[in-house]
Protein backbone atom coordinates (compact mmCIF):
# COMPACT_ATOMS: atom_id res chain seq x y z
CA MET A 1 0.20 0.14 -0.03
CA ASN A 2 1.35 3.57 -0.87
CA ASP A 3 1.00 5.08 2.81
CA ASN A 4 2.88 8.38 2.03
CA LEU A 5 -0.34 10.42 3.04
CA LEU A 6 -0.70 8.07 6.20
CA ARG A 7 2.77 8.39 7.27
CA LYS A 8 2.72 12.07 6.60
CA ILE A 9 -0.48 12.09 9.22
CA THR A 10 1.42 9.70 11.54
CA VAL A 11 4.29 12.30 11.70
CA SER A 12 2.54 15.28 12.01
CA VAL A 13 0.52 14.14 15.11
CA ASN A 14 2.63 15.69 17.33
CA ASN A 15 2.93 19.25 15.64
CA LEU A 16 -0.94 19.46 15.27
CA ASN A 17 -3.19 21.08 17.50
CA PRO A 18 -5.23 18.97 20.00
CA ALA A 19 -8.37 19.69 18.04
CA GLU A 20 -6.58 18.62 14.69
CA SER A 21 -4.65 15.61 16.22
CA ARG A 22 -8.40 14.59 17.19
CA VAL A 23 -9.12 14.39 13.36
CA ALA A 24 -5.79 12.80 12.58
CA ALA A 25 -6.52 9.80 15.36
CA TYR A 26 -9.90 9.15 13.52
CA VAL A 27 -8.51 9.09 10.32
CA LEU A 28 -5.91 6.55 10.97
CA SER A 29 -8.01 4.42 12.65
CA VAL A 30 -10.74 4.02 9.81
CA PRO A 31 -9.05 5.75 6.58
CA GLU A 32 -11.16 2.97 4.39
CA GLN A 33 -14.44 4.62 5.80
CA VAL A 34 -13.18 8.15 5.78
CA ILE A 35 -12.90 8.31 2.18
CA HIS A 36 -16.36 7.95 1.64
CA GLN A 37 -17.48 10.39 4.40
CA SER A 38 -18.73 13.97 4.27
CA ILE A 39 -16.53 16.45 6.02
CA ALA A 40 -19.53 16.98 8.50
CA THR A 41 -19.37 12.98 9.35
CA VAL A 42 -15.94 13.26 10.02
CA ALA A 43 -16.45 16.52 12.28
CA LYS A 44 -18.85 14.74 14.12
CA LYS A 45 -16.72 11.38 14.71
CA SER A 46 -13.80 13.45 15.75
CA LYS A 47 -15.73 15.66 18.06
CA VAL A 48 -14.49 18.96 16.10
CA SER A 49 -15.79 21.61 14.13
CA GLU A 50 -15.77 21.34 10.42
CA PRO A 51 -13.66 24.30 9.93
CA THR A 52 -10.99 22.48 11.95
CA VAL A 53 -11.62 19.47 9.67
CA MET A 54 -10.44 21.99 6.85
CA ARG A 55 -7.34 23.23 9.06
CA PHE A 56 -6.39 19.55 9.51
CA CYS A 57 -6.23 19.22 5.47
CA ARG A 58 -4.36 22.06 5.22
CA SER A 59 -1.83 21.16 7.88
CA ILE A 60 -0.93 17.88 5.83
CA GLY A 61 -0.47 19.91 2.87
CA CYS A 62 -3.80 19.15 0.98
CA ARG A 63 -5.81 22.09 -0.96
CA GLY A 64 -8.95 20.96 0.95
CA TYR A 65 -11.18 18.28 2.10
CA GLN A 66 -12.12 17.08 -1.65
CA ASP A 67 -8.31 16.97 -1.97
CA PHE A 68 -7.73 15.31 1.22
CA LYS A 69 -10.05 12.38 0.11
CA LEU A 70 -8.64 11.97 -3.31
CA GLU A 71 -5.34 11.80 -1.89
CA LEU A 72 -6.33 9.25 0.97
CA ALA A 73 -8.29 7.33 -1.39
CA VAL A 74 -4.78 7.16 -3.84
CA ALA A 75 -2.85 5.85 -0.71
CA LEU A 76 -5.34 3.08 -0.21
CA ALA A 77 -5.52 2.27 -3.79
CA GLY A 78 -3.67 -1.15 -3.05
CA ASP A 79 0.16 -2.04 -3.75
CA ILE A 80 1.64 1.20 -4.98
CA PRO A 81 -0.72 3.27 -7.48
CA TYR A 82 2.30 3.49 -10.47
CA VAL A 83 2.04 0.10 -12.55
CA HIS A 84 5.95 -0.05 -13.03
CA THR A 85 6.63 0.03 -9.00
CA SER A 86 3.39 -2.65 -8.66
CA ILE A 87 4.40 -5.29 -11.51
CA GLN A 88 7.99 -6.67 -10.91
CA GLN A 89 10.08 -8.68 -13.71
CA ASN A 90 9.28 -12.21 -12.88
CA ASP A 91 5.72 -11.93 -11.55
CA SER A 92 3.62 -14.71 -13.37
CA ALA A 93 0.85 -14.15 -15.78
CA LYS A 94 -1.88 -14.59 -12.87
CA GLU A 95 0.15 -12.15 -10.81
CA MET A 96 0.21 -9.66 -13.37
CA VAL A 97 -3.33 -10.15 -14.28
CA LYS A 98 -4.76 -9.90 -10.87
CA LYS A 99 -2.59 -6.58 -10.05
CA ILE A 100 -3.86 -5.05 -13.66
CA CYS A 101 -7.44 -5.78 -12.74
CA HIS A 102 -7.00 -4.55 -8.89
CA TYR A 103 -5.39 -1.52 -10.09
CA SER A 104 -7.85 -0.53 -12.86
CA SER A 105 -10.94 -1.50 -10.07
CA ASN A 106 -9.50 0.82 -7.33
CA SER A 107 -8.46 3.72 -10.05
CA LEU A 108 -12.08 3.84 -11.15
CA GLN A 109 -13.10 4.23 -7.52
CA ILE A 110 -10.58 6.84 -7.13
CA LEU A 111 -12.33 8.53 -10.11
CA ASN A 112 -15.82 8.32 -8.73
CA ASP A 113 -14.66 9.61 -5.94
CA SER A 114 -13.07 12.89 -7.29
CA LEU A 115 -15.87 13.79 -9.63
CA ASP A 116 -17.78 16.95 -8.84
CA ILE A 117 -21.09 15.73 -9.83
CA GLU A 118 -22.43 19.44 -10.26
CA THR A 119 -19.51 19.84 -12.72
CA VAL A 120 -20.26 16.72 -14.94
CA GLU A 121 -23.95 18.12 -15.01
CA LYS A 122 -22.59 21.48 -16.41
CA ALA A 123 -20.33 20.11 -19.00
CA ILE A 124 -23.45 17.54 -19.99
CA SER A 125 -25.72 20.78 -20.21
CA ILE A 126 -22.86 22.67 -22.36
CA LEU A 127 -22.22 19.80 -24.63
CA GLU A 128 -26.17 19.08 -25.19
CA SER A 129 -26.48 22.82 -25.95
CA ALA A 130 -23.84 23.21 -28.49
CA LYS A 131 -23.58 23.89 -32.40
CA ARG A 132 -20.61 22.02 -32.36
CA ILE A 133 -17.98 19.90 -30.54
CA GLU A 134 -14.19 20.11 -31.60
CA ILE A 135 -12.28 17.17 -29.55
CA TYR A 136 -8.31 17.49 -29.32
CA GLY A 137 -5.97 15.09 -27.71
CA SER A 138 -2.41 13.68 -28.46
CA GLY A 139 -0.78 10.42 -27.80
CA ALA A 140 -3.01 8.32 -26.04
CA SER A 141 -5.30 10.97 -25.16
CA GLY A 142 -5.88 11.47 -28.68
CA ILE A 143 -7.08 7.70 -28.85
CA VAL A 144 -9.53 9.23 -26.38
CA ALA A 145 -10.22 11.86 -28.57
CA LEU A 146 -11.36 9.57 -31.49
CA ASP A 147 -13.48 7.79 -29.07
CA ALA A 148 -15.15 10.63 -28.06
CA GLN A 149 -15.98 11.56 -31.26
CA HIS A 150 -17.23 8.06 -32.18
CA LYS A 151 -19.68 8.51 -29.14
CA LEU A 152 -21.08 12.16 -29.10
CA PHE A 153 -21.53 12.51 -33.17
CA ARG A 154 -24.23 9.93 -32.47
CA THR A 155 -26.54 12.10 -30.39
CA LYS A 156 -26.71 14.67 -33.33
CA VAL A 157 -24.18 17.12 -32.47
CA PRO A 158 -21.51 17.68 -34.99
CA THR A 159 -18.52 16.73 -33.81
CA VAL A 160 -15.02 16.26 -35.08
CA ALA A 161 -11.61 14.98 -33.33
CA TYR A 162 -7.97 16.30 -34.26
CA ARG A 163 -4.93 14.57 -33.12
CA ASP A 164 -2.44 16.70 -35.54
CA SER A 165 -1.61 19.80 -33.44
CA HIS A 166 -1.83 21.87 -36.61
CA LEU A 167 -5.24 21.12 -37.34
CA GLN A 168 -5.88 21.62 -33.69
CA MET A 169 -4.94 25.08 -34.07
CA MET A 170 -6.89 25.64 -37.39
CA SER A 171 -9.83 24.23 -35.82
CA ALA A 172 -9.97 26.42 -32.70
CA SER A 173 -9.47 29.35 -34.74
CA SER A 174 -12.79 28.90 -36.47
CA LEU A 175 -14.85 28.41 -33.17
CA ASP A 176 -17.39 30.51 -31.94
CA SER A 177 -19.33 31.31 -28.74
CA GLU A 178 -21.90 28.64 -29.53
CA CYS A 179 -19.27 25.99 -30.15
CA VAL A 180 -17.27 23.66 -27.40
CA ALA A 181 -14.12 22.37 -27.61
CA LEU A 182 -13.39 19.43 -25.47
CA VAL A 183 -9.59 18.86 -24.64
CA PHE A 184 -8.09 15.51 -23.37
CA SER A 185 -4.77 15.36 -21.52
CA TYR A 186 -3.50 13.18 -18.80
CA THR A 187 -0.87 15.21 -17.34
CA GLY A 188 -2.29 18.81 -18.57
CA GLU A 189 1.47 19.52 -19.95
CA SER A 190 0.68 18.92 -23.62
CA PHE A 191 1.83 22.10 -25.24
CA ASN A 192 -0.38 21.85 -28.30
CA ILE A 193 -3.48 20.95 -26.40
CA ILE A 194 -2.76 23.83 -23.97
CA GLN A 195 -2.03 26.07 -27.14
CA ALA A 196 -5.41 24.98 -28.83
CA ALA A 197 -7.48 25.35 -25.66
CA LYS A 198 -6.23 28.92 -25.13
CA LEU A 199 -6.79 29.92 -28.87
CA ALA A 200 -10.23 28.30 -28.62
CA GLN A 201 -11.18 30.38 -25.62
CA GLU A 202 -10.00 33.65 -27.30
CA GLN A 203 -12.30 32.74 -29.86
CA GLY A 204 -15.39 32.63 -27.28
CA ALA A 205 -15.69 29.00 -27.52
CA VAL A 206 -16.14 27.40 -24.05
CA VAL A 207 -13.45 24.95 -23.34
CA VAL A 208 -14.34 21.83 -21.56
CA GLY A 209 -11.10 19.87 -19.94
CA VAL A 210 -10.46 16.15 -18.98
CA THR A 211 -7.52 16.63 -17.26
CA HIS A 212 -6.05 16.87 -13.59
CA GLN A 213 -7.64 20.08 -11.81
CA HIS A 214 -4.41 21.74 -11.03
CA SER A 215 -2.72 21.15 -14.18
CA PRO A 216 -1.49 24.01 -16.50
CA LEU A 217 -4.05 23.10 -19.22
CA ALA A 218 -6.72 23.68 -16.44
CA SER A 219 -6.28 27.27 -16.49
CA TYR A 220 -7.23 27.51 -20.11
CA CYS A 221 -10.37 25.35 -19.38
CA ASP A 222 -14.03 27.11 -18.68
CA LEU A 223 -15.02 23.69 -16.73
CA VAL A 224 -12.55 20.66 -15.88
CA LEU A 225 -13.44 17.17 -15.11
CA ASN A 226 -10.78 16.35 -13.16
CA ASN A 227 -9.03 13.25 -13.98
CA PRO A 228 -7.01 12.28 -10.56
CA LYS A 229 -3.26 11.72 -11.44
CA ILE A 230 -2.61 8.44 -10.18
CA GLU A 231 -0.33 6.74 -12.90
CA ASP A 232 3.13 7.53 -13.98
CA THR A 233 3.27 7.75 -17.84
CA LYS A 234 6.93 9.39 -18.08
CA LEU A 235 8.46 5.92 -18.87
CA PHE A 236 5.38 3.74 -19.36
CA ALA A 237 2.28 3.86 -21.68
CA PRO A 238 -0.82 4.92 -19.81
CA MET A 239 -3.32 2.00 -18.96
CA VAL A 240 -5.81 3.31 -16.32
CA SER A 241 -4.98 6.90 -16.98
CA ARG A 242 -6.59 6.22 -20.21
CA LEU A 243 -9.38 3.81 -18.85
CA CYS A 244 -10.47 6.74 -16.82
CA GLN A 245 -10.63 9.20 -19.67
CA LEU A 246 -12.83 6.53 -21.64
CA VAL A 247 -15.18 6.41 -18.49
CA ILE A 248 -15.73 10.07 -18.27
CA VAL A 249 -16.18 9.78 -22.17
CA ASP A 250 -19.01 7.22 -21.36
CA ILE A 251 -20.27 9.75 -18.62
CA LEU A 252 -20.68 12.75 -20.88
CA ALA A 253 -22.40 10.95 -23.83
CA THR A 254 -24.80 8.88 -22.01
CA GLY A 255 -25.51 11.94 -20.19
CA VAL A 256 -26.15 14.22 -23.56
CA ALA A 257 -28.25 11.37 -24.88
CA LEU A 258 -30.20 11.43 -21.79
CA LYS A 259 -30.91 15.15 -21.54
CA LYS A 260 -31.61 15.14 -25.68
CA GLY A 261 -34.52 12.66 -24.61
CA GLN A 262 -36.59 10.25 -26.73
CA GLU A 263 -35.32 12.06 -30.15
CA ALA A 264 -31.78 11.08 -29.13
CA TRP A 265 -33.11 7.50 -28.28
CA GLU A 266 -34.52 7.05 -31.76
CA HIS A 267 -31.40 8.32 -33.70
CA LEU A 268 -29.39 6.04 -32.08
CA LYS A 269 -31.55 3.16 -32.57
CA LYS A 270 -31.75 4.41 -36.12
CA ILE A 271 -27.42 4.40 -36.27
CA LYS A 272 -27.65 0.94 -34.79
CA GLN A 273 -29.92 -0.33 -37.87
CA SER A 274 -28.19 1.09 -40.00
CA VAL A 275 -24.97 -1.14 -39.54
CA VAL A 276 -26.99 -4.09 -39.15
CA THR A 277 -26.06 -5.49 -42.71
CA LEU A 278 -22.39 -5.33 -42.30
CA ARG A 279 -22.44 -7.74 -39.84
CA SER A 280 -22.33 -11.82 -40.30
CA HIS A 281 -25.46 -13.91 -40.60
CA GLY A 282 -26.48 -14.15 -36.72
CA GLU A 283 -24.37 -12.05 -34.95
């Protein structure tokens, strides 16, 4: 288990004031429960006020309660969250499969805990009412951008995905206030995606980012769907980071279809029927 946060709390206990120490003691006693509890519940269980819980979070280096819960969830995710340190060279196929599945499952739980539902609802409304949706992504995120196009264009909103940086910039320059730029970057540090997002904003478009909420890219997004940074992608190809991005795409596409109502469902049935003849008999 990656217990960096738990170790930090343990080491910090003696430096906290008495009230914050009670919060620390409670967190250390039942960390698995805390990741699912509200700040009010933690305050009540610790016999302190909610502002004290917030001060505790900041005292241990977290920006706030949600940030604290996210870091705690990562700490409890199982083994070590970076797959290259979790999987060993001599692991059997069975051990490798178990670790990847366990890691993926825990990462989706972290995603669930870190997504702000109000932000998700706003993103769905923005996409549903858009005149046009332009999607940008590079590398592994470029694959996700294509998946987003595949799913969103079926909701009857003109949608196109670009992975080439030059096309991204040309696309961004053509947007207006009725358009949405949906940008994907796990690290939020891809220079071309940042530049495209910045240009799209300058043209008046709404920029919806699927990235880490504290990344450089987030500064150029009107709305950020937080994709928690729980995987090291500098040396190894992205695994669960892409999985989390794909789940966010499914959430957005399904939400848009639900918001559009019966018309969207009928359109989806029509599209499904159009490809039936391309399948072999009996499928």
